[in-house]
Amino acid sequence: MGALMLDGNAAAGVLQEIFAVEMTTAVGTCDSCGAAGEVGRVQLYRGAGLILRCPSCEAVLMKIVTSGTRAWVDLRGLRTLQLNA
């Protein structure tokens, strides 16, 4: 992994703040290729925000931008997201 790319576990803190549940064990299904896996196994790229990519096809699954007390989350690349209650 490069300097700007980490695994999805690096997004654990911000995801827990937004969703208020443990997100790295949530299972997402890529809308592009249909691969399913835990959020903690995706590829995370850091820049102006966080970009989470599918480890199978590298499609963008989720985009997260935070500023102060606000967060913007784009889940367009996920077909489904199964949360553990």
N, C-alpha and C. Protein backbone atom coordinates (compact mmCIF):
# COMPACT_ATOMS: atom_id res chain seq x y z
N MET A 1 0.84 -1.18 0.00
CA MET A 1 0.00 0.00 0.00
C MET A 1 0.88 1.24 0.00
N GLY A 2 0.46 2.25 -0.74
CA GLY A 2 1.21 3.49 -0.83
C GLY A 2 0.99 4.38 0.38
N ALA A 3 1.68 5.52 0.40
CA ALA A 3 1.59 6.45 1.52
C ALA A 3 0.19 7.02 1.70
N LEU A 4 -0.55 7.17 0.61
CA LEU A 4 -1.90 7.73 0.70
C LEU A 4 -2.97 6.67 0.85
N MET A 5 -2.61 5.37 0.72
CA MET A 5 -3.61 4.31 0.80
C MET A 5 -3.39 3.47 2.05
N LEU A 6 -4.47 3.26 2.80
CA LEU A 6 -4.47 2.40 3.96
C LEU A 6 -5.61 1.41 3.80
N ASP A 7 -5.83 0.52 4.77
CA ASP A 7 -7.01 -0.33 4.67
C ASP A 7 -8.18 0.36 5.37
N GLY A 8 -9.36 -0.19 5.19
CA GLY A 8 -10.58 0.43 5.71
C GLY A 8 -10.61 0.59 7.22
N ASN A 9 -9.77 -0.16 7.95
CA ASN A 9 -9.72 0.00 9.40
C ASN A 9 -9.30 1.41 9.80
N ALA A 10 -8.58 2.10 8.94
CA ALA A 10 -8.13 3.46 9.24
C ALA A 10 -9.31 4.44 9.31
N ALA A 11 -10.45 4.07 8.76
CA ALA A 11 -11.63 4.92 8.80
C ALA A 11 -12.54 4.60 9.99
N ALA A 12 -12.11 3.70 10.87
CA ALA A 12 -12.95 3.24 11.98
C ALA A 12 -13.47 4.38 12.85
N GLY A 13 -12.60 5.31 13.22
CA GLY A 13 -13.01 6.39 14.12
C GLY A 13 -14.07 7.28 13.53
N VAL A 14 -13.84 7.74 12.32
CA VAL A 14 -14.81 8.64 11.69
C VAL A 14 -16.12 7.91 11.38
N LEU A 15 -16.05 6.65 10.97
CA LEU A 15 -17.27 5.89 10.70
C LEU A 15 -18.08 5.66 11.96
N GLN A 16 -17.41 5.38 13.07
CA GLN A 16 -18.13 5.16 14.32
C GLN A 16 -18.78 6.46 14.80
N GLU A 17 -18.10 7.57 14.59
CA GLU A 17 -18.69 8.86 14.97
C GLU A 17 -19.96 9.13 14.17
N ILE A 18 -19.96 8.79 12.89
CA ILE A 18 -21.10 9.07 12.02
C ILE A 18 -22.23 8.06 12.25
N PHE A 19 -21.90 6.76 12.27
CA PHE A 19 -22.92 5.73 12.33
C PHE A 19 -23.22 5.24 13.74
N ALA A 20 -22.39 5.55 14.73
CA ALA A 20 -22.58 5.17 16.13
C ALA A 20 -22.64 3.66 16.35
N VAL A 21 -22.06 2.89 15.44
CA VAL A 21 -21.91 1.44 15.60
C VAL A 21 -20.55 1.05 15.04
N GLU A 22 -20.06 -0.12 15.38
CA GLU A 22 -18.79 -0.62 14.84
C GLU A 22 -18.96 -0.87 13.35
N MET A 23 -18.24 -0.10 12.53
CA MET A 23 -18.42 -0.17 11.08
C MET A 23 -17.41 -1.07 10.37
N THR A 24 -16.27 -1.36 10.97
CA THR A 24 -15.27 -2.15 10.25
C THR A 24 -15.72 -3.59 10.05
N THR A 25 -16.69 -4.05 10.86
CA THR A 25 -17.21 -5.41 10.68
C THR A 25 -18.50 -5.43 9.86
N ALA A 26 -19.02 -4.25 9.49
CA ALA A 26 -20.18 -4.19 8.61
C ALA A 26 -19.78 -4.76 7.24
N VAL A 27 -20.71 -5.44 6.60
CA VAL A 27 -20.43 -6.06 5.30
C VAL A 27 -21.08 -5.24 4.20
N GLY A 28 -20.24 -4.78 3.28
CA GLY A 28 -20.72 -4.01 2.14
C GLY A 28 -20.62 -4.83 0.87
N THR A 29 -21.54 -4.57 -0.07
CA THR A 29 -21.51 -5.21 -1.37
C THR A 29 -21.25 -4.14 -2.42
N CYS A 30 -20.19 -4.33 -3.20
CA CYS A 30 -19.81 -3.39 -4.25
C CYS A 30 -20.88 -3.36 -5.34
N ASP A 31 -21.35 -2.19 -5.69
CA ASP A 31 -22.35 -2.06 -6.74
C ASP A 31 -21.75 -2.33 -8.12
N SER A 32 -20.45 -2.19 -8.24
CA SER A 32 -19.79 -2.37 -9.54
C SER A 32 -19.55 -3.84 -9.88
N CYS A 33 -18.92 -4.57 -8.94
CA CYS A 33 -18.55 -5.97 -9.26
C CYS A 33 -19.30 -7.01 -8.45
N GLY A 34 -20.05 -6.59 -7.43
CA GLY A 34 -20.82 -7.52 -6.62
C GLY A 34 -20.05 -8.20 -5.50
N ALA A 35 -18.75 -7.89 -5.35
CA ALA A 35 -17.96 -8.48 -4.27
C ALA A 35 -18.49 -7.97 -2.93
N ALA A 36 -18.51 -8.86 -1.95
CA ALA A 36 -18.97 -8.50 -0.61
C ALA A 36 -17.85 -8.76 0.38
N GLY A 37 -17.73 -7.88 1.37
CA GLY A 37 -16.71 -8.05 2.40
C GLY A 37 -16.83 -7.00 3.47
N GLU A 38 -16.08 -7.20 4.53
CA GLU A 38 -16.09 -6.27 5.65
C GLU A 38 -15.48 -4.92 5.26
N VAL A 39 -16.03 -3.86 5.81
CA VAL A 39 -15.53 -2.52 5.54
C VAL A 39 -14.05 -2.41 5.92
N GLY A 40 -13.64 -3.11 6.95
CA GLY A 40 -12.25 -3.08 7.37
C GLY A 40 -11.27 -3.64 6.35
N ARG A 41 -11.77 -4.30 5.31
CA ARG A 41 -10.90 -4.89 4.30
C ARG A 41 -10.82 -4.07 3.01
N VAL A 42 -11.56 -2.96 2.94
CA VAL A 42 -11.51 -2.14 1.73
C VAL A 42 -10.23 -1.31 1.71
N GLN A 43 -9.97 -0.66 0.59
CA GLN A 43 -8.81 0.22 0.46
C GLN A 43 -9.25 1.64 0.77
N LEU A 44 -8.50 2.33 1.62
CA LEU A 44 -8.83 3.69 2.00
C LEU A 44 -7.76 4.62 1.45
N TYR A 45 -8.20 5.66 0.74
CA TYR A 45 -7.30 6.68 0.22
C TYR A 45 -7.63 7.98 0.92
N ARG A 46 -6.59 8.69 1.39
CA ARG A 46 -6.77 9.96 2.09
C ARG A 46 -6.40 11.11 1.17
N GLY A 47 -7.15 12.16 1.25
CA GLY A 47 -6.88 13.39 0.50
C GLY A 47 -7.69 14.48 1.17
N ALA A 48 -8.48 15.21 0.40
CA ALA A 48 -9.36 16.23 0.97
C ALA A 48 -10.43 15.59 1.84
N GLY A 49 -10.69 14.31 1.61
CA GLY A 49 -11.63 13.52 2.40
C GLY A 49 -11.12 12.08 2.39
N LEU A 50 -11.99 11.15 2.69
CA LEU A 50 -11.65 9.73 2.66
C LEU A 50 -12.39 9.07 1.51
N ILE A 51 -11.67 8.27 0.74
CA ILE A 51 -12.26 7.52 -0.36
C ILE A 51 -12.04 6.04 -0.05
N LEU A 52 -13.11 5.27 0.05
CA LEU A 52 -13.01 3.83 0.30
C LEU A 52 -13.29 3.12 -1.02
N ARG A 53 -12.37 2.25 -1.42
CA ARG A 53 -12.46 1.55 -2.70
C ARG A 53 -12.57 0.04 -2.51
N CYS A 54 -13.24 -0.60 -3.44
CA CYS A 54 -13.39 -2.05 -3.45
C CYS A 54 -12.03 -2.71 -3.67
N PRO A 55 -11.65 -3.68 -2.84
CA PRO A 55 -10.36 -4.34 -3.03
C PRO A 55 -10.35 -5.27 -4.25
N SER A 56 -11.54 -5.61 -4.77
CA SER A 56 -11.61 -6.50 -5.94
C SER A 56 -11.49 -5.75 -7.26
N CYS A 57 -12.24 -4.64 -7.40
CA CYS A 57 -12.25 -3.93 -8.69
C CYS A 57 -11.80 -2.48 -8.58
N GLU A 58 -11.52 -2.00 -7.37
CA GLU A 58 -11.08 -0.63 -7.09
C GLU A 58 -12.13 0.45 -7.37
N ALA A 59 -13.39 0.06 -7.54
CA ALA A 59 -14.46 1.05 -7.69
C ALA A 59 -14.63 1.81 -6.37
N VAL A 60 -15.06 3.06 -6.44
CA VAL A 60 -15.31 3.86 -5.25
C VAL A 60 -16.58 3.35 -4.58
N LEU A 61 -16.46 2.96 -3.32
CA LEU A 61 -17.60 2.48 -2.54
C LEU A 61 -18.24 3.60 -1.73
N MET A 62 -17.39 4.42 -1.12
CA MET A 62 -17.86 5.42 -0.18
C MET A 62 -16.91 6.61 -0.18
N LYS A 63 -17.48 7.80 -0.05
CA LYS A 63 -16.69 9.03 0.11
C LYS A 63 -17.16 9.70 1.39
N ILE A 64 -16.19 10.16 2.19
CA ILE A 64 -16.52 10.83 3.45
C ILE A 64 -15.70 12.11 3.54
N VAL A 65 -16.40 13.21 3.82
CA VAL A 65 -15.74 14.49 4.05
C VAL A 65 -16.28 15.01 5.37
N THR A 66 -15.37 15.46 6.24
CA THR A 66 -15.79 16.03 7.52
C THR A 66 -15.24 17.44 7.65
N SER A 67 -16.00 18.26 8.36
CA SER A 67 -15.59 19.63 8.63
C SER A 67 -16.25 20.06 9.93
N GLY A 68 -15.46 20.19 10.96
CA GLY A 68 -16.03 20.59 12.25
C GLY A 68 -17.02 19.56 12.76
N THR A 69 -18.27 19.98 12.92
CA THR A 69 -19.31 19.09 13.44
C THR A 69 -20.17 18.47 12.35
N ARG A 70 -19.79 18.66 11.08
CA ARG A 70 -20.57 18.12 9.96
C ARG A 70 -19.80 17.03 9.24
N ALA A 71 -20.55 16.11 8.65
CA ALA A 71 -19.96 15.05 7.84
C ALA A 71 -20.85 14.82 6.63
N TRP A 72 -20.23 14.61 5.49
CA TRP A 72 -20.93 14.28 4.26
C TRP A 72 -20.48 12.89 3.85
N VAL A 73 -21.45 11.98 3.65
CA VAL A 73 -21.15 10.59 3.32
C VAL A 73 -21.87 10.24 2.02
N ASP A 74 -21.12 9.77 1.04
CA ASP A 74 -21.67 9.33 -0.24
C ASP A 74 -21.48 7.82 -0.31
N LEU A 75 -22.57 7.07 -0.31
CA LEU A 75 -22.54 5.61 -0.33
C LEU A 75 -22.95 5.04 -1.70
N ARG A 76 -22.87 5.85 -2.75
CA ARG A 76 -23.34 5.43 -4.06
C ARG A 76 -22.73 4.14 -4.58
N GLY A 77 -21.50 3.84 -4.20
CA GLY A 77 -20.83 2.65 -4.71
C GLY A 77 -21.19 1.36 -4.00
N LEU A 78 -22.00 1.46 -2.94
CA LEU A 78 -22.42 0.28 -2.21
C LEU A 78 -23.81 -0.15 -2.63
N ARG A 79 -23.96 -1.38 -3.01
CA ARG A 79 -25.28 -1.93 -3.31
C ARG A 79 -26.04 -2.14 -2.02
N THR A 80 -25.36 -2.71 -1.02
CA THR A 80 -25.94 -2.91 0.30
C THR A 80 -24.87 -2.70 1.36
N LEU A 81 -25.30 -2.40 2.57
CA LEU A 81 -24.40 -2.28 3.72
C LEU A 81 -25.11 -2.93 4.90
N GLN A 82 -24.60 -4.07 5.33
CA GLN A 82 -25.21 -4.84 6.43
C GLN A 82 -24.52 -4.47 7.74
N LEU A 83 -25.27 -3.87 8.66
CA LEU A 83 -24.74 -3.46 9.95
C LEU A 83 -25.07 -4.50 11.01
N ASN A 84 -24.12 -4.75 11.90
CA ASN A 84 -24.35 -5.66 13.02
C ASN A 84 -24.94 -4.86 14.17
N ALA A 85 -26.12 -5.25 14.61
CA ALA A 85 -26.81 -4.51 15.67
C ALA A 85 -26.29 -4.87 17.03
